[in-house]
Amino acid sequence: MWATHVTLNTAKEDNDIYEQVRKQFDEQEIVELTLICSFFNFFNRLMDSLKVPVEKKDEVDKIKNSVHLNPEKVKNYLATIVENWPARFPKPNPD
């Protein structure tokens, strides 16, 4: 929903949308989401305007036909991640 409003440039006109997003994300996360949406909008417009082919159509078609997520498998995968989430992360190497 936020990505759609950023893409259509309607996020600024609808405070309700921001408040809905704010319920799930903090301000830093909203900024990051907005930056990612903006980057992809920029990149798509750049590539489309310059008619730069990103991938050959047959490659895109392969991807379209191969992406089928099984919700139960995704749920099990995420549950495994949560179960194995470390209680403590190591500090970054100072190098």
PDB file of N, CA and C in Angstrom:
ATOM      1  N   MET A   1       0.821  -1.174   0.000  1.00  0.00           N
ATOM      2  CA  MET A   1       0.000   0.000   0.000  1.00  0.00           C
ATOM      3  C   MET A   1       0.876   1.253   0.000  1.00  0.00           C
ATOM      4  N   TRP A   2       1.891   1.288   0.851  1.00  0.00           N
ATOM      5  CA  TRP A   2       2.782   2.453   0.906  1.00  0.00           C
ATOM      6  C   TRP A   2       3.522   2.607  -0.425  1.00  0.00           C
ATOM      7  N   ALA A   3       4.022   1.505  -0.969  1.00  0.00           N
ATOM      8  CA  ALA A   3       4.746   1.559  -2.246  1.00  0.00           C
ATOM      9  C   ALA A   3       3.853   2.113  -3.353  1.00  0.00           C
ATOM     10  N   THR A   4       2.606   1.718  -3.364  1.00  0.00           N
ATOM     11  CA  THR A   4       1.682   2.221  -4.384  1.00  0.00           C
ATOM     12  C   THR A   4       1.509   3.722  -4.254  1.00  0.00           C
ATOM     13  N   HIS A   5       1.317   4.202  -3.046  1.00  0.00           N
ATOM     14  CA  HIS A   5       1.135   5.644  -2.841  1.00  0.00           C
ATOM     15  C   HIS A   5       2.408   6.429  -3.147  1.00  0.00           C
ATOM     16  N   VAL A   6       3.553   5.865  -2.816  1.00  0.00           N
ATOM     17  CA  VAL A   6       4.813   6.538  -3.164  1.00  0.00           C
ATOM     18  C   VAL A   6       4.944   6.587  -4.684  1.00  0.00           C
ATOM     19  N   THR A   7       4.656   5.493  -5.339  1.00  0.00           N
ATOM     20  CA  THR A   7       4.776   5.414  -6.799  1.00  0.00           C
ATOM     21  C   THR A   7       3.818   6.375  -7.499  1.00  0.00           C
ATOM     22  N   LEU A   8       2.609   6.453  -7.007  1.00  0.00           N
ATOM     23  CA  LEU A   8       1.609   7.336  -7.622  1.00  0.00           C
ATOM     24  C   LEU A   8       1.727   8.786  -7.139  1.00  0.00           C
ATOM     25  N   ASN A   9       2.654   9.011  -6.208  1.00  0.00           N
ATOM     26  CA  ASN A   9       2.877  10.339  -5.623  1.00  0.00           C
ATOM     27  C   ASN A   9       1.623  10.859  -4.923  1.00  0.00           C
ATOM     28  N   THR A  10       0.904   9.956  -4.276  1.00  0.00           N
ATOM     29  CA  THR A  10      -0.294  10.342  -3.530  1.00  0.00           C
ATOM     30  C   THR A  10      -0.099  10.218  -2.025  1.00  0.00           C
ATOM     31  N   ALA A  11       1.045   9.735  -1.586  1.00  0.00           N
ATOM     32  CA  ALA A  11       1.302   9.571  -0.155  1.00  0.00           C
ATOM     33  C   ALA A  11       1.204  10.903   0.581  1.00  0.00           C
ATOM     34  N   LYS A  12       1.639  11.978  -0.075  1.00  0.00           N
ATOM     35  CA  LYS A  12       1.639  13.295   0.569  1.00  0.00           C
ATOM     36  C   LYS A  12       0.226  13.836   0.774  1.00  0.00           C
ATOM     37  N   GLU A  13      -0.737  13.333   0.025  1.00  0.00           N
ATOM     38  CA  GLU A  13      -2.104  13.846   0.076  1.00  0.00           C
ATOM     39  C   GLU A  13      -2.995  13.100   1.066  1.00  0.00           C
ATOM     40  N   ASP A  14      -2.532  11.969   1.555  1.00  0.00           N
ATOM     41  CA  ASP A  14      -3.396  11.117   2.363  1.00  0.00           C
ATOM     42  C   ASP A  14      -2.714  10.775   3.690  1.00  0.00           C
ATOM     43  N   ASN A  15      -3.023  11.537   4.728  1.00  0.00           N
ATOM     44  CA  ASN A  15      -2.416  11.292   6.039  1.00  0.00           C
ATOM     45  C   ASN A  15      -2.839   9.959   6.632  1.00  0.00           C
ATOM     46  N   ASP A  16      -4.014   9.463   6.258  1.00  0.00           N
ATOM     47  CA  ASP A  16      -4.475   8.173   6.774  1.00  0.00           C
ATOM     48  C   ASP A  16      -3.534   7.043   6.356  1.00  0.00           C
ATOM     49  N   ILE A  17      -3.013   7.128   5.149  1.00  0.00           N
ATOM     50  CA  ILE A  17      -2.087   6.102   4.667  1.00  0.00           C
ATOM     51  C   ILE A  17      -0.831   6.094   5.536  1.00  0.00           C
ATOM     52  N   TYR A  18      -0.274   7.264   5.776  1.00  0.00           N
ATOM     53  CA  TYR A  18       0.931   7.347   6.610  1.00  0.00           C
ATOM     54  C   TYR A  18       0.653   6.780   7.998  1.00  0.00           C
ATOM     55  N   GLU A  19      -0.502   7.108   8.563  1.00  0.00           N
ATOM     56  CA  GLU A  19      -0.828   6.615   9.907  1.00  0.00           C
ATOM     57  C   GLU A  19      -0.980   5.103   9.917  1.00  0.00           C
ATOM     58  N   GLN A  20      -1.508   4.528   8.848  1.00  0.00           N
ATOM     59  CA  GLN A  20      -1.608   3.069   8.767  1.00  0.00           C
ATOM     60  C   GLN A  20      -0.218   2.430   8.720  1.00  0.00           C
ATOM     61  N   VAL A  21       0.657   3.029   7.938  1.00  0.00           N
ATOM     62  CA  VAL A  21       2.031   2.512   7.837  1.00  0.00           C
ATOM     63  C   VAL A  21       2.739   2.690   9.181  1.00  0.00           C
ATOM     64  N   ARG A  22       2.500   3.818   9.833  1.00  0.00           N
ATOM     65  CA  ARG A  22       3.137   4.142  11.120  1.00  0.00           C
ATOM     66  C   ARG A  22       2.781   3.132  12.206  1.00  0.00           C
ATOM     67  N   LYS A  23       1.631   2.478  12.075  1.00  0.00           N
ATOM     68  CA  LYS A  23       1.227   1.470  13.057  1.00  0.00           C
ATOM     69  C   LYS A  23       2.126   0.237  13.003  1.00  0.00           C
ATOM     70  N   GLN A  24       2.759   0.013  11.844  1.00  0.00           N
ATOM     71  CA  GLN A  24       3.568  -1.193  11.683  1.00  0.00           C
ATOM     72  C   GLN A  24       5.063  -0.920  11.619  1.00  0.00           C
ATOM     73  N   PHE A  25       5.445   0.328  11.296  1.00  0.00           N
ATOM     74  CA  PHE A  25       6.858   0.646  11.121  1.00  0.00           C
ATOM     75  C   PHE A  25       7.206   1.922  11.872  1.00  0.00           C
ATOM     76  N   ASP A  26       8.434   1.990  12.366  1.00  0.00           N
ATOM     77  CA  ASP A  26       8.876   3.245  12.989  1.00  0.00           C
ATOM     78  C   ASP A  26       9.341   4.212  11.899  1.00  0.00           C
ATOM     79  N   GLU A  27       9.702   5.426  12.296  1.00  0.00           N
ATOM     80  CA  GLU A  27      10.052   6.454  11.303  1.00  0.00           C
ATOM     81  C   GLU A  27      11.247   6.063  10.441  1.00  0.00           C
ATOM     82  N   GLN A  28      12.260   5.476  11.055  1.00  0.00           N
ATOM     83  CA  GLN A  28      13.442   5.056  10.283  1.00  0.00           C
ATOM     84  C   GLN A  28      13.050   4.007   9.244  1.00  0.00           C
ATOM     85  N   GLU A  29      12.228   3.055   9.627  1.00  0.00           N
ATOM     86  CA  GLU A  29      11.797   2.022   8.689  1.00  0.00           C
ATOM     87  C   GLU A  29      10.957   2.617   7.553  1.00  0.00           C
ATOM     88  N   ILE A  30      10.126   3.597   7.876  1.00  0.00           N
ATOM     89  CA  ILE A  30       9.320   4.245   6.837  1.00  0.00           C
ATOM     90  C   ILE A  30      10.223   4.976   5.852  1.00  0.00           C
ATOM     91  N   VAL A  31      11.253   5.630   6.368  1.00  0.00           N
ATOM     92  CA  VAL A  31      12.202   6.304   5.478  1.00  0.00           C
ATOM     93  C   VAL A  31      12.882   5.283   4.578  1.00  0.00           C
ATOM     94  N   GLU A  32      13.310   4.159   5.142  1.00  0.00           N
ATOM     95  CA  GLU A  32      13.970   3.126   4.348  1.00  0.00           C
ATOM     96  C   GLU A  32      13.028   2.552   3.289  1.00  0.00           C
ATOM     97  N   LEU A  33      11.791   2.267   3.671  1.00  0.00           N
ATOM     98  CA  LEU A  33      10.806   1.769   2.702  1.00  0.00           C
ATOM     99  C   LEU A  33      10.586   2.773   1.578  1.00  0.00           C
ATOM    100  N   THR A  34      10.495   4.038   1.951  1.00  0.00           N
ATOM    101  CA  THR A  34      10.260   5.085   0.963  1.00  0.00           C
ATOM    102  C   THR A  34      11.457   5.222   0.026  1.00  0.00           C
ATOM    103  N   LEU A  35      12.661   5.121   0.572  1.00  0.00           N
ATOM    104  CA  LEU A  35      13.857   5.182  -0.264  1.00  0.00           C
ATOM    105  C   LEU A  35      13.903   4.026  -1.251  1.00  0.00           C
ATOM    106  N   ILE A  36      13.564   2.835  -0.795  1.00  0.00           N
ATOM    107  CA  ILE A  36      13.569   1.672  -1.679  1.00  0.00           C
ATOM    108  C   ILE A  36      12.530   1.853  -2.789  1.00  0.00           C
ATOM    109  N   CYS A  37      11.319   2.280  -2.426  1.00  0.00           N
ATOM    110  CA  CYS A  37      10.278   2.522  -3.441  1.00  0.00           C
ATOM    111  C   CYS A  37      10.743   3.582  -4.429  1.00  0.00           C
ATOM    112  N   SER A  38      11.322   4.646  -3.920  1.00  0.00           N
ATOM    113  CA  SER A  38      11.781   5.746  -4.777  1.00  0.00           C
ATOM    114  C   SER A  38      12.896   5.289  -5.707  1.00  0.00           C
ATOM    115  N   PHE A  39      13.809   4.486  -5.171  1.00  0.00           N
ATOM    116  CA  PHE A  39      14.899   3.984  -5.999  1.00  0.00           C
ATOM    117  C   PHE A  39      14.362   3.165  -7.167  1.00  0.00           C
ATOM    118  N   PHE A  40      13.437   2.255  -6.878  1.00  0.00           N
ATOM    119  CA  PHE A  40      12.906   1.413  -7.947  1.00  0.00           C
ATOM    120  C   PHE A  40      12.093   2.228  -8.945  1.00  0.00           C
ATOM    121  N   ASN A  41      11.369   3.221  -8.471  1.00  0.00           N
ATOM    122  CA  ASN A  41      10.643   4.100  -9.395  1.00  0.00           C
ATOM    123  C   ASN A  41      11.627   4.844 -10.289  1.00  0.00           C
ATOM    124  N   PHE A  42      12.686   5.377  -9.697  1.00  0.00           N
ATOM    125  CA  PHE A  42      13.715   6.079 -10.471  1.00  0.00           C
ATOM    126  C   PHE A  42      14.324   5.145 -11.513  1.00  0.00           C
ATOM    127  N   PHE A  43      14.734   3.973 -11.066  1.00  0.00           N
ATOM    128  CA  PHE A  43      15.407   3.030 -11.947  1.00  0.00           C
ATOM    129  C   PHE A  43      14.493   2.606 -13.101  1.00  0.00           C
ATOM    130  N   ASN A  44      13.238   2.294 -12.783  1.00  0.00           N
ATOM    131  CA  ASN A  44      12.298   1.886 -13.835  1.00  0.00           C
ATOM    132  C   ASN A  44      12.082   2.998 -14.852  1.00  0.00           C
ATOM    133  N   ARG A  45      11.913   4.208 -14.377  1.00  0.00           N
ATOM    134  CA  ARG A  45      11.702   5.326 -15.309  1.00  0.00           C
ATOM    135  C   ARG A  45      12.942   5.580 -16.165  1.00  0.00           C
ATOM    136  N   LEU A  46      14.101   5.478 -15.570  1.00  0.00           N
ATOM    137  CA  LEU A  46      15.350   5.653 -16.310  1.00  0.00           C
ATOM    138  C   LEU A  46      15.464   4.608 -17.414  1.00  0.00           C
ATOM    139  N   MET A  47      15.317   3.360 -17.045  1.00  0.00           N
ATOM    140  CA  MET A  47      15.457   2.277 -18.012  1.00  0.00           C
ATOM    141  C   MET A  47      14.376   2.340 -19.093  1.00  0.00           C
ATOM    142  N   ASP A  48      13.144   2.631 -18.683  1.00  0.00           N
ATOM    143  CA  ASP A  48      12.054   2.721 -19.660  1.00  0.00           C
ATOM    144  C   ASP A  48      12.263   3.901 -20.608  1.00  0.00           C
ATOM    145  N   SER A  49      12.641   5.051 -20.071  1.00  0.00           N
ATOM    146  CA  SER A  49      12.828   6.246 -20.908  1.00  0.00           C
ATOM    147  C   SER A  49      13.935   6.059 -21.933  1.00  0.00           C
ATOM    148  N   LEU A  50      14.988   5.380 -21.531  1.00  0.00           N
ATOM    149  CA  LEU A  50      16.119   5.156 -22.432  1.00  0.00           C
ATOM    150  C   LEU A  50      15.968   3.870 -23.240  1.00  0.00           C
ATOM    151  N   LYS A  51      14.855   3.182 -23.038  1.00  0.00           N
ATOM    152  CA  LYS A  51      14.562   1.932 -23.753  1.00  0.00           C
ATOM    153  C   LYS A  51      15.694   0.909 -23.602  1.00  0.00           C
ATOM    154  N   VAL A  52      16.195   0.821 -22.390  1.00  0.00           N
ATOM    155  CA  VAL A  52      17.259  -0.133 -22.087  1.00  0.00           C
ATOM    156  C   VAL A  52      16.605  -1.459 -21.708  1.00  0.00           C
ATOM    157  N   PRO A  53      16.886  -2.502 -22.451  1.00  0.00           N
ATOM    158  CA  PRO A  53      16.300  -3.795 -22.087  1.00  0.00           C
ATOM    159  C   PRO A  53      16.988  -4.338 -20.829  1.00  0.00           C
ATOM    160  N   VAL A  54      16.195  -4.642 -19.847  1.00  0.00           N
ATOM    161  CA  VAL A  54      16.753  -5.159 -18.600  1.00  0.00           C
ATOM    162  C   VAL A  54      17.096  -6.636 -18.761  1.00  0.00           C
ATOM    163  N   GLU A  55      16.158  -7.385 -19.298  1.00  0.00           N
ATOM    164  CA  GLU A  55      16.373  -8.806 -19.538  1.00  0.00           C
ATOM    165  C   GLU A  55      15.644  -9.176 -20.822  1.00  0.00           C
ATOM    166  N   LYS A  56      16.101 -10.207 -21.451  1.00  0.00           N
ATOM    167  CA  LYS A  56      15.412 -10.687 -22.642  1.00  0.00           C
ATOM    168  C   LYS A  56      14.052 -11.248 -22.242  1.00  0.00           C
ATOM    169  N   LYS A  57      13.087 -11.061 -23.101  1.00  0.00           N
ATOM    170  CA  LYS A  57      11.723 -11.469 -22.797  1.00  0.00           C
ATOM    171  C   LYS A  57      11.625 -12.945 -22.427  1.00  0.00           C
ATOM    172  N   ASP A  58      12.339 -13.811 -23.116  1.00  0.00           N
ATOM    173  CA  ASP A  58      12.245 -15.236 -22.790  1.00  0.00           C
ATOM    174  C   ASP A  58      12.751 -15.527 -21.381  1.00  0.00           C
ATOM    175  N   GLU A  59      13.726 -14.744 -20.919  1.00  0.00           N
ATOM    176  CA  GLU A  59      14.216 -14.917 -19.545  1.00  0.00           C
ATOM    177  C   GLU A  59      13.171 -14.460 -18.533  1.00  0.00           C
ATOM    178  N   VAL A  60      12.518 -13.354 -18.833  1.00  0.00           N
ATOM    179  CA  VAL A  60      11.457 -12.863 -17.958  1.00  0.00           C
ATOM    180  C   VAL A  60      10.315 -13.872 -17.907  1.00  0.00           C
ATOM    181  N   ASP A  61       9.967 -14.434 -19.052  1.00  0.00           N
ATOM    182  CA  ASP A  61       8.900 -15.429 -19.101  1.00  0.00           C
ATOM    183  C   ASP A  61       9.245 -16.661 -18.268  1.00  0.00           C
ATOM    184  N   LYS A  62      10.511 -17.063 -18.277  1.00  0.00           N
ATOM    185  CA  LYS A  62      10.931 -18.203 -17.446  1.00  0.00           C
ATOM    186  C   LYS A  62      10.675 -17.900 -15.976  1.00  0.00           C
ATOM    187  N   ILE A  63      11.024 -16.691 -15.573  1.00  0.00           N
ATOM    188  CA  ILE A  63      10.834 -16.299 -14.176  1.00  0.00           C
ATOM    189  C   ILE A  63       9.347 -16.278 -13.831  1.00  0.00           C
ATOM    190  N   LYS A  64       8.549 -15.672 -14.710  1.00  0.00           N
ATOM    191  CA  LYS A  64       7.107 -15.605 -14.468  1.00  0.00           C
ATOM    192  C   LYS A  64       6.511 -16.992 -14.263  1.00  0.00           C
ATOM    193  N   ASN A  65       6.984 -17.946 -15.036  1.00  0.00           N
ATOM    194  CA  ASN A  65       6.425 -19.292 -14.969  1.00  0.00           C
ATOM    195  C   ASN A  65       7.008 -20.143 -13.851  1.00  0.00           C
ATOM    196  N   SER A  66       8.081 -19.682 -13.238  1.00  0.00           N
ATOM    197  CA  SER A  66       8.728 -20.521 -12.231  1.00  0.00           C
ATOM    198  C   SER A  66       8.475 -20.059 -10.802  1.00  0.00           C
ATOM    199  N   VAL A  67       7.891 -18.892 -10.634  1.00  0.00           N
ATOM    200  CA  VAL A  67       7.711 -18.350  -9.289  1.00  0.00           C
ATOM    201  C   VAL A  67       6.332 -18.723  -8.762  1.00  0.00           C
ATOM    202  N   HIS A  68       6.317 -19.728  -7.924  1.00  0.00           N
ATOM    203  CA  HIS A  68       5.087 -20.149  -7.275  1.00  0.00           C
ATOM    204  C   HIS A  68       5.432 -20.457  -5.828  1.00  0.00           C
ATOM    205  N   LEU A  69       5.056 -19.572  -4.936  1.00  0.00           N
ATOM    206  CA  LEU A  69       5.347 -19.789  -3.527  1.00  0.00           C
ATOM    207  C   LEU A  69       4.237 -20.606  -2.881  1.00  0.00           C
ATOM    208  N   ASN A  70       4.657 -21.610  -2.179  1.00  0.00           N
ATOM    209  CA  ASN A  70       3.724 -22.390  -1.397  1.00  0.00           C
ATOM    210  C   ASN A  70       3.657 -21.738  -0.014  1.00  0.00           C
ATOM    211  N   PRO A  71       2.514 -21.148   0.357  1.00  0.00           N
ATOM    212  CA  PRO A  71       2.427 -20.425   1.628  1.00  0.00           C
ATOM    213  C   PRO A  71       2.825 -21.266   2.837  1.00  0.00           C
ATOM    214  N   GLU A  72       2.519 -22.537   2.806  1.00  0.00           N
ATOM    215  CA  GLU A  72       2.863 -23.400   3.943  1.00  0.00           C
ATOM    216  C   GLU A  72       4.378 -23.567   4.064  1.00  0.00           C
ATOM    217  N   LYS A  73       5.064 -23.714   2.917  1.00  0.00           N
ATOM    218  CA  LYS A  73       6.524 -23.826   2.936  1.00  0.00           C
ATOM    219  C   LYS A  73       7.162 -22.530   3.419  1.00  0.00           C
ATOM    220  N   VAL A  74       6.621 -21.400   2.990  1.00  0.00           N
ATOM    221  CA  VAL A  74       7.148 -20.109   3.444  1.00  0.00           C
ATOM    222  C   VAL A  74       6.955 -19.972   4.956  1.00  0.00           C
ATOM    223  N   LYS A  75       5.780 -20.343   5.428  1.00  0.00           N
ATOM    224  CA  LYS A  75       5.488 -20.278   6.861  1.00  0.00           C
ATOM    225  C   LYS A  75       6.464 -21.152   7.653  1.00  0.00           C
ATOM    226  N   ASN A  76       6.698 -22.384   7.181  1.00  0.00           N
ATOM    227  CA  ASN A  76       7.630 -23.289   7.858  1.00  0.00           C
ATOM    228  C   ASN A  76       9.052 -22.743   7.842  1.00  0.00           C
ATOM    229  N   TYR A  77       9.446 -22.158   6.713  1.00  0.00           N
ATOM    230  CA  TYR A  77      10.779 -21.559   6.600  1.00  0.00           C
ATOM    231  C   TYR A  77      10.946 -20.430   7.608  1.00  0.00           C
ATOM    232  N   LEU A  78       9.961 -19.551   7.665  1.00  0.00           N
ATOM    233  CA  LEU A  78      10.043 -18.427   8.606  1.00  0.00           C
ATOM    234  C   LEU A  78      10.015 -18.904  10.054  1.00  0.00           C
ATOM    235  N   ALA A  79       9.230 -19.931  10.327  1.00  0.00           N
ATOM    236  CA  ALA A  79       9.192 -20.486  11.683  1.00  0.00           C
ATOM    237  C   ALA A  79      10.563 -21.045  12.071  1.00  0.00           C
ATOM    238  N   THR A  80      11.237 -21.689  11.129  1.00  0.00           N
ATOM    239  CA  THR A  80      12.585 -22.216  11.383  1.00  0.00           C
ATOM    240  C   THR A  80      13.563 -21.083  11.698  1.00  0.00           C
ATOM    241  N   ILE A  81      13.443 -19.993  10.954  1.00  0.00           N
ATOM    242  CA  ILE A  81      14.312 -18.842  11.219  1.00  0.00           C
ATOM    243  C   ILE A  81      14.070 -18.313  12.625  1.00  0.00           C
ATOM    244  N   VAL A  82      12.810 -18.148  12.998  1.00  0.00           N
ATOM    245  CA  VAL A  82      12.475 -17.628  14.325  1.00  0.00           C
ATOM    246  C   VAL A  82      12.980 -18.573  15.413  1.00  0.00           C
ATOM    247  N   GLU A  83      12.800 -19.864  15.231  1.00  0.00           N
ATOM    248  CA  GLU A  83      13.245 -20.849  16.217  1.00  0.00           C
ATOM    249  C   GLU A  83      14.755 -20.831  16.412  1.00  0.00           C
ATOM    250  N   ASN A  84      15.484 -20.514  15.355  1.00  0.00           N
ATOM    251  CA  ASN A  84      16.944 -20.544  15.424  1.00  0.00           C
ATOM    252  C   ASN A  84      17.570 -19.155  15.558  1.00  0.00           C
ATOM    253  N   TRP A  85      16.734 -18.150  15.802  1.00  0.00           N
ATOM    254  CA  TRP A  85      17.229 -16.783  15.934  1.00  0.00           C
ATOM    255  C   TRP A  85      18.137 -16.700  17.159  1.00  0.00           C
ATOM    256  N   PRO A  86      19.352 -16.171  16.995  1.00  0.00           N
ATOM    257  CA  PRO A  86      20.264 -16.112  18.141  1.00  0.00           C
ATOM    258  C   PRO A  86      19.775 -15.139  19.214  1.00  0.00           C
ATOM    259  N   ALA A  87      20.017 -15.500  20.444  1.00  0.00           N
ATOM    260  CA  ALA A  87      19.643 -14.622  21.551  1.00  0.00           C
ATOM    261  C   ALA A  87      20.533 -13.389  21.565  1.00  0.00           C
ATOM    262  N   ARG A  88      21.740 -13.557  21.068  1.00  0.00           N
ATOM    263  CA  ARG A  88      22.703 -12.458  21.074  1.00  0.00           C
ATOM    264  C   ARG A  88      23.524 -12.523  19.799  1.00  0.00           C
ATOM    265  N   PHE A  89      23.742 -11.381  19.176  1.00  0.00           N
ATOM    266  CA  PHE A  89      24.557 -11.318  17.973  1.00  0.00           C
ATOM    267  C   PHE A  89      25.960 -10.893  18.336  1.00  0.00           C
ATOM    268  N   PRO A  90      26.977 -11.431  17.641  1.00  0.00           N
ATOM    269  CA  PRO A  90      28.350 -10.996  17.920  1.00  0.00           C
ATOM    270  C   PRO A  90      28.546  -9.542  17.490  1.00  0.00           C
ATOM    271  N   LYS A  91      29.470  -8.887  18.156  1.00  0.00           N
ATOM    272  CA  LYS A  91      29.792  -7.508  17.776  1.00  0.00           C
ATOM    273  C   LYS A  91      30.553  -7.529  16.457  1.00  0.00           C
ATOM    274  N   PRO A  92      30.391  -6.465  15.653  1.00  0.00           N
ATOM    275  CA  PRO A  92      31.125  -6.416  14.371  1.00  0.00           C
ATOM    276  C   PRO A  92      32.633  -6.369  14.603  1.00  0.00           C
ATOM    277  N   ASN A  93      33.342  -6.901  13.645  1.00  0.00           N
ATOM    278  CA  ASN A  93      34.794  -6.868  13.684  1.00  0.00           C
ATOM    279  C   ASN A  93      35.237  -5.407  13.544  1.00  0.00           C
ATOM    280  N   PRO A  94      36.129  -4.910  14.392  1.00  0.00           N
ATOM    281  CA  PRO A  94      36.518  -3.496  14.350  1.00  0.00           C
ATOM    282  C   PRO A  94      37.339  -3.128  13.115  1.00  0.00           C
ATOM    283  N   ASP A  95      37.742  -4.102  12.315  1.00  0.00           N
ATOM    284  CA  ASP A  95      38.536  -3.782  11.134  1.00  0.00           C
ATOM    285  C   ASP A  95      37.706  -2.943  10.234  1.00  0.00           C
TER     286      ASP A  95
END
